[in-house]
Amino acid sequence: SYMTSGGFALSSSAADVAAATVSFTGGSGAADALTAIDKAISTVSTVRANLGALQNRFDHTINNLNVAVENLTASESRIRDTDMAQEMTNFTKSQILSQAGTAMLSQANQAPQGILSLLQ
């Protein structure tokens, strides 16, 4: 395995496996095997630690994005709610003005009728 500047990458080839093969023909073969196993365990531990760190970064990024989405949704809701309240106020105002205008026209139409009835 080898490390890159952007994280890590694993590389395994037949040459890597052949280089890791230990010969037990000599007296130091067992010691070499233990050294190779210790090195492999250390490499696996390092890669696992890097994977764990990367997973934690992803988890934090996901959590931050979820908070951003929630905040954006809440902001949009507040904007829409404010607009609805304003529009309802405008609608009610228009209705009141329309009804007042209708009532005034009705009274204006009754005034000539009252005058005519007095003259008769």
N, C-alpha and C. Protein backbone atom coordinates (compact mmCIF):
# COMPACT_ATOMS: atom_id res chain seq x y z
N SER A 1 0.85 -1.18 0.00
CA SER A 1 0.00 0.00 0.00
C SER A 1 0.88 1.23 0.00
N TYR A 2 0.34 2.31 -0.47
CA TYR A 2 1.07 3.57 -0.46
C TYR A 2 0.08 4.69 -0.18
N MET A 3 0.60 5.78 0.34
CA MET A 3 -0.25 6.91 0.71
C MET A 3 -0.15 7.97 -0.37
N THR A 4 -1.25 8.69 -0.60
CA THR A 4 -1.25 9.81 -1.52
C THR A 4 -1.55 11.08 -0.75
N SER A 5 -1.34 12.23 -1.38
CA SER A 5 -1.56 13.49 -0.68
C SER A 5 -3.04 13.74 -0.41
N GLY A 6 -3.93 13.19 -1.25
CA GLY A 6 -5.36 13.40 -1.08
C GLY A 6 -6.01 12.37 -0.18
N GLY A 7 -5.27 11.49 0.40
CA GLY A 7 -5.86 10.45 1.24
C GLY A 7 -4.99 9.22 1.17
N PHE A 8 -5.56 8.11 0.73
CA PHE A 8 -4.77 6.90 0.64
C PHE A 8 -5.25 6.07 -0.53
N ALA A 9 -4.39 5.18 -0.97
CA ALA A 9 -4.75 4.25 -2.04
C ALA A 9 -4.06 2.93 -1.74
N LEU A 10 -4.68 1.85 -2.11
CA LEU A 10 -4.09 0.53 -1.90
C LEU A 10 -3.61 -0.01 -3.23
N SER A 11 -2.46 -0.65 -3.21
CA SER A 11 -1.93 -1.24 -4.42
C SER A 11 -1.48 -2.65 -4.09
N SER A 12 -1.88 -3.61 -4.89
CA SER A 12 -1.48 -4.99 -4.67
C SER A 12 -1.26 -5.63 -6.02
N SER A 13 -0.10 -6.23 -6.19
CA SER A 13 0.19 -6.91 -7.44
C SER A 13 0.93 -8.21 -7.12
N ALA A 14 1.13 -9.01 -8.14
CA ALA A 14 1.84 -10.28 -7.94
C ALA A 14 3.25 -10.02 -7.43
N ALA A 15 3.87 -8.95 -7.90
CA ALA A 15 5.23 -8.63 -7.45
C ALA A 15 5.24 -8.29 -5.97
N ASP A 16 4.19 -7.56 -5.51
CA ASP A 16 4.11 -7.21 -4.09
C ASP A 16 3.95 -8.46 -3.24
N VAL A 17 3.12 -9.39 -3.71
CA VAL A 17 2.89 -10.63 -2.97
C VAL A 17 4.16 -11.47 -2.96
N ALA A 18 4.84 -11.55 -4.09
CA ALA A 18 6.07 -12.34 -4.17
C ALA A 18 7.14 -11.75 -3.27
N ALA A 19 7.19 -10.43 -3.18
CA ALA A 19 8.19 -9.79 -2.33
C ALA A 19 7.90 -10.05 -0.86
N ALA A 20 6.62 -10.28 -0.53
CA ALA A 20 6.25 -10.51 0.86
C ALA A 20 6.40 -11.98 1.26
N THR A 21 6.69 -12.86 0.31
CA THR A 21 6.83 -14.28 0.60
C THR A 21 8.09 -14.50 1.42
N VAL A 22 7.97 -15.30 2.45
CA VAL A 22 9.09 -15.56 3.36
C VAL A 22 9.55 -17.00 3.17
N SER A 23 10.84 -17.18 3.15
CA SER A 23 11.40 -18.52 3.02
C SER A 23 11.71 -19.08 4.39
N PHE A 24 11.30 -20.32 4.62
CA PHE A 24 11.57 -20.96 5.91
C PHE A 24 12.75 -21.92 5.81
N THR A 25 13.56 -21.78 4.77
CA THR A 25 14.67 -22.71 4.60
C THR A 25 15.83 -22.38 5.52
N GLY A 26 15.97 -21.14 5.88
CA GLY A 26 17.08 -20.77 6.74
C GLY A 26 16.63 -20.65 8.19
N GLY A 27 17.56 -20.45 9.08
CA GLY A 27 17.25 -20.33 10.50
C GLY A 27 16.52 -19.04 10.84
N SER A 28 16.70 -18.04 10.04
CA SER A 28 16.05 -16.76 10.34
C SER A 28 14.69 -16.64 9.67
N GLY A 29 14.21 -17.70 9.02
CA GLY A 29 12.94 -17.65 8.31
C GLY A 29 11.77 -17.33 9.21
N ALA A 30 11.73 -17.92 10.41
CA ALA A 30 10.62 -17.66 11.34
C ALA A 30 10.64 -16.22 11.81
N ALA A 31 11.82 -15.71 12.10
CA ALA A 31 11.94 -14.32 12.54
C ALA A 31 11.53 -13.37 11.41
N ASP A 32 11.94 -13.70 10.17
CA ASP A 32 11.54 -12.89 9.02
C ASP A 32 10.02 -12.93 8.82
N ALA A 33 9.44 -14.11 9.03
CA ALA A 33 7.98 -14.25 8.89
C ALA A 33 7.27 -13.39 9.92
N LEU A 34 7.74 -13.41 11.17
CA LEU A 34 7.12 -12.59 12.21
C LEU A 34 7.27 -11.11 11.89
N THR A 35 8.42 -10.72 11.39
CA THR A 35 8.63 -9.33 11.01
C THR A 35 7.67 -8.93 9.88
N ALA A 36 7.52 -9.81 8.88
CA ALA A 36 6.62 -9.52 7.76
C ALA A 36 5.17 -9.45 8.23
N ILE A 37 4.80 -10.35 9.15
CA ILE A 37 3.43 -10.34 9.69
C ILE A 37 3.19 -9.08 10.49
N ASP A 38 4.16 -8.70 11.33
CA ASP A 38 4.03 -7.46 12.11
C ASP A 38 3.89 -6.25 11.18
N LYS A 39 4.67 -6.24 10.10
CA LYS A 39 4.59 -5.13 9.15
C LYS A 39 3.22 -5.12 8.47
N ALA A 40 2.72 -6.30 8.10
CA ALA A 40 1.40 -6.38 7.46
C ALA A 40 0.31 -5.92 8.42
N ILE A 41 0.40 -6.33 9.68
CA ILE A 41 -0.59 -5.91 10.69
C ILE A 41 -0.53 -4.40 10.87
N SER A 42 0.68 -3.86 10.91
CA SER A 42 0.84 -2.41 11.05
C SER A 42 0.24 -1.68 9.85
N THR A 43 0.47 -2.21 8.66
CA THR A 43 -0.09 -1.60 7.45
C THR A 43 -1.61 -1.64 7.47
N VAL A 44 -2.16 -2.80 7.84
CA VAL A 44 -3.62 -2.93 7.92
C VAL A 44 -4.18 -1.97 8.96
N SER A 45 -3.51 -1.86 10.10
CA SER A 45 -3.97 -0.94 11.15
C SER A 45 -3.94 0.51 10.66
N THR A 46 -2.89 0.87 9.94
CA THR A 46 -2.79 2.23 9.40
C THR A 46 -3.90 2.51 8.40
N VAL A 47 -4.14 1.55 7.52
CA VAL A 47 -5.20 1.72 6.52
C VAL A 47 -6.56 1.80 7.20
N ARG A 48 -6.79 0.96 8.21
CA ARG A 48 -8.06 1.00 8.95
C ARG A 48 -8.24 2.35 9.65
N ALA A 49 -7.15 2.86 10.23
CA ALA A 49 -7.24 4.17 10.89
C ALA A 49 -7.56 5.26 9.88
N ASN A 50 -6.92 5.20 8.71
CA ASN A 50 -7.21 6.19 7.66
C ASN A 50 -8.65 6.08 7.18
N LEU A 51 -9.13 4.85 7.02
CA LEU A 51 -10.53 4.66 6.62
C LEU A 51 -11.48 5.20 7.68
N GLY A 52 -11.16 4.95 8.94
CA GLY A 52 -12.00 5.47 10.03
C GLY A 52 -12.02 6.99 10.05
N ALA A 53 -10.85 7.60 9.84
CA ALA A 53 -10.79 9.07 9.81
C ALA A 53 -11.58 9.62 8.63
N LEU A 54 -11.45 8.96 7.49
CA LEU A 54 -12.20 9.39 6.31
C LEU A 54 -13.70 9.23 6.53
N GLN A 55 -14.10 8.13 7.14
CA GLN A 55 -15.52 7.92 7.43
C GLN A 55 -16.04 9.00 8.38
N ASN A 56 -15.25 9.34 9.39
CA ASN A 56 -15.65 10.41 10.32
C ASN A 56 -15.82 11.74 9.60
N ARG A 57 -14.89 12.03 8.67
CA ARG A 57 -15.01 13.28 7.90
C ARG A 57 -16.29 13.28 7.07
N PHE A 58 -16.58 12.14 6.45
CA PHE A 58 -17.82 12.04 5.67
C PHE A 58 -19.04 12.21 6.56
N ASP A 59 -19.02 11.57 7.73
CA ASP A 59 -20.15 11.69 8.66
C ASP A 59 -20.37 13.14 9.07
N HIS A 60 -19.29 13.84 9.39
CA HIS A 60 -19.41 15.25 9.78
C HIS A 60 -19.91 16.10 8.61
N THR A 61 -19.42 15.81 7.41
CA THR A 61 -19.88 16.55 6.24
C THR A 61 -21.36 16.32 6.00
N ILE A 62 -21.80 15.07 6.13
CA ILE A 62 -23.22 14.75 5.96
C ILE A 62 -24.05 15.48 7.00
N ASN A 63 -23.60 15.46 8.25
CA ASN A 63 -24.33 16.16 9.32
C ASN A 63 -24.42 17.66 9.04
N ASN A 64 -23.31 18.25 8.60
CA ASN A 64 -23.31 19.69 8.28
C ASN A 64 -24.26 19.99 7.13
N LEU A 65 -24.28 19.14 6.12
CA LEU A 65 -25.19 19.35 4.99
C LEU A 65 -26.65 19.20 5.43
N ASN A 66 -26.92 18.24 6.31
CA ASN A 66 -28.29 18.07 6.82
C ASN A 66 -28.74 19.31 7.58
N VAL A 67 -27.84 19.89 8.38
CA VAL A 67 -28.18 21.11 9.12
C VAL A 67 -28.44 22.26 8.15
N ALA A 68 -27.61 22.35 7.11
CA ALA A 68 -27.79 23.42 6.11
C ALA A 68 -29.13 23.26 5.39
N VAL A 69 -29.50 22.04 5.05
CA VAL A 69 -30.79 21.79 4.39
C VAL A 69 -31.94 22.18 5.31
N GLU A 70 -31.83 21.79 6.58
CA GLU A 70 -32.88 22.12 7.55
C GLU A 70 -33.02 23.63 7.71
N ASN A 71 -31.89 24.33 7.81
CA ASN A 71 -31.93 25.80 7.94
C ASN A 71 -32.53 26.45 6.70
N LEU A 72 -32.16 25.95 5.53
CA LEU A 72 -32.69 26.50 4.29
C LEU A 72 -34.20 26.28 4.19
N THR A 73 -34.65 25.09 4.58
CA THR A 73 -36.08 24.79 4.55
C THR A 73 -36.84 25.68 5.52
N ALA A 74 -36.28 25.89 6.71
CA ALA A 74 -36.93 26.76 7.70
C ALA A 74 -37.00 28.20 7.19
N SER A 75 -35.93 28.66 6.56
CA SER A 75 -35.92 30.03 6.02
C SER A 75 -36.96 30.18 4.92
N GLU A 76 -37.03 29.20 4.04
CA GLU A 76 -38.02 29.25 2.95
C GLU A 76 -39.43 29.26 3.52
N SER A 77 -39.65 28.46 4.55
CA SER A 77 -40.98 28.40 5.18
C SER A 77 -41.35 29.75 5.79
N ARG A 78 -40.38 30.38 6.47
CA ARG A 78 -40.65 31.70 7.06
C ARG A 78 -40.99 32.72 5.98
N ILE A 79 -40.29 32.68 4.87
CA ILE A 79 -40.56 33.63 3.78
C ILE A 79 -41.96 33.39 3.22
N ARG A 80 -42.30 32.14 2.97
CA ARG A 80 -43.62 31.82 2.41
C ARG A 80 -44.72 32.18 3.40
N ASP A 81 -44.52 31.88 4.69
CA ASP A 81 -45.53 32.20 5.70
C ASP A 81 -45.75 33.71 5.78
N THR A 82 -44.68 34.48 5.72
CA THR A 82 -44.78 35.94 5.77
C THR A 82 -45.56 36.44 4.56
N ASP A 83 -45.27 35.93 3.39
CA ASP A 83 -45.98 36.34 2.18
C ASP A 83 -47.47 36.00 2.27
N MET A 84 -47.80 34.83 2.80
CA MET A 84 -49.21 34.44 2.93
C MET A 84 -49.94 35.38 3.87
N ALA A 85 -49.33 35.72 4.98
CA ALA A 85 -49.96 36.64 5.93
C ALA A 85 -50.19 38.00 5.28
N GLN A 86 -49.21 38.49 4.56
CA GLN A 86 -49.34 39.78 3.88
C GLN A 86 -50.44 39.73 2.82
N GLU A 87 -50.50 38.66 2.06
CA GLU A 87 -51.52 38.53 1.02
C GLU A 87 -52.92 38.43 1.62
N MET A 88 -53.06 37.73 2.73
CA MET A 88 -54.37 37.64 3.39
C MET A 88 -54.80 39.01 3.91
N THR A 89 -53.86 39.77 4.43
CA THR A 89 -54.16 41.13 4.89
C THR A 89 -54.62 42.00 3.72
N ASN A 90 -53.91 41.92 2.61
CA ASN A 90 -54.29 42.69 1.43
C ASN A 90 -55.66 42.28 0.90
N PHE A 91 -55.94 40.98 0.88
CA PHE A 91 -57.23 40.49 0.41
C PHE A 91 -58.36 40.99 1.30
N THR A 92 -58.17 40.91 2.61
CA THR A 92 -59.20 41.37 3.55
C THR A 92 -59.45 42.86 3.38
N LYS A 93 -58.38 43.62 3.22
CA LYS A 93 -58.51 45.07 3.01
C LYS A 93 -59.31 45.35 1.74
N SER A 94 -59.01 44.64 0.67
CA SER A 94 -59.74 44.83 -0.60
C SER A 94 -61.21 44.47 -0.45
N GLN A 95 -61.49 43.39 0.28
CA GLN A 95 -62.88 42.98 0.50
C GLN A 95 -63.65 44.05 1.28
N ILE A 96 -63.03 44.60 2.31
CA ILE A 96 -63.68 45.64 3.12
C ILE A 96 -63.96 46.87 2.27
N LEU A 97 -62.97 47.30 1.48
CA LEU A 97 -63.16 48.47 0.61
C LEU A 97 -64.26 48.22 -0.42
N SER A 98 -64.30 47.03 -0.97
CA SER A 98 -65.33 46.70 -1.96
C SER A 98 -66.72 46.72 -1.33
N GLN A 99 -66.84 46.13 -0.14
CA GLN A 99 -68.14 46.11 0.54
C GLN A 99 -68.56 47.52 0.95
N ALA A 100 -67.61 48.34 1.38
CA ALA A 100 -67.93 49.72 1.76
C ALA A 100 -68.40 50.49 0.53
N GLY A 101 -67.74 50.29 -0.59
CA GLY A 101 -68.14 50.96 -1.83
C GLY A 101 -69.54 50.55 -2.26
N THR A 102 -69.85 49.27 -2.15
CA THR A 102 -71.18 48.77 -2.50
C THR A 102 -72.24 49.38 -1.59
N ALA A 103 -71.95 49.47 -0.31
CA ALA A 103 -72.90 50.05 0.65
C ALA A 103 -73.12 51.53 0.35
N MET A 104 -72.06 52.25 -0.01
CA MET A 104 -72.20 53.68 -0.32
C MET A 104 -73.03 53.89 -1.58
N LEU A 105 -72.84 53.05 -2.59
CA LEU A 105 -73.64 53.15 -3.81
C LEU A 105 -75.11 52.86 -3.52
N SER A 106 -75.34 51.90 -2.67
CA SER A 106 -76.72 51.56 -2.31
C SER A 106 -77.40 52.75 -1.62
N GLN A 107 -76.68 53.38 -0.70
CA GLN A 107 -77.25 54.54 -0.01
C GLN A 107 -77.42 55.72 -0.97
N ALA A 108 -76.49 55.89 -1.89
CA ALA A 108 -76.59 56.98 -2.86
C ALA A 108 -77.80 56.77 -3.77
N ASN A 109 -78.09 55.54 -4.11
CA ASN A 109 -79.26 55.25 -4.95
C ASN A 109 -80.56 55.43 -4.18
N GLN A 110 -80.55 55.27 -2.87
CA GLN A 110 -81.77 55.42 -2.07
C GLN A 110 -82.11 56.90 -1.83
N ALA A 111 -81.13 57.77 -1.86
CA ALA A 111 -81.38 59.20 -1.61
C ALA A 111 -82.36 59.80 -2.62
N PRO A 112 -82.19 59.59 -3.92
CA PRO A 112 -83.18 60.15 -4.86
C PRO A 112 -84.57 59.54 -4.66
N GLN A 113 -84.63 58.31 -4.30
CA GLN A 113 -85.93 57.66 -4.05
C GLN A 113 -86.63 58.33 -2.87
N GLY A 114 -85.86 58.66 -1.84
CA GLY A 114 -86.43 59.34 -0.67
C GLY A 114 -86.95 60.71 -1.01
N ILE A 115 -86.23 61.43 -1.85
CA ILE A 115 -86.65 62.77 -2.26
C ILE A 115 -87.92 62.68 -3.10
N LEU A 116 -87.97 61.72 -3.99
CA LEU A 116 -89.17 61.54 -4.81
C LEU A 116 -90.40 61.20 -3.96
N SER A 117 -90.20 60.39 -2.96
CA SER A 117 -91.34 60.03 -2.10
C SER A 117 -91.81 61.23 -1.29
N LEU A 118 -90.91 62.15 -0.93
CA LEU A 118 -91.31 63.35 -0.20
C LEU A 118 -92.10 64.31 -1.10
N LEU A 119 -91.72 64.35 -2.36
CA LEU A 119 -92.39 65.24 -3.29
C LEU A 119 -93.79 64.74 -3.65
N GLN A 120 -94.07 63.54 -3.52
CA GLN A 120 -95.38 63.01 -3.89
C GLN A 120 -96.35 63.21 -2.81
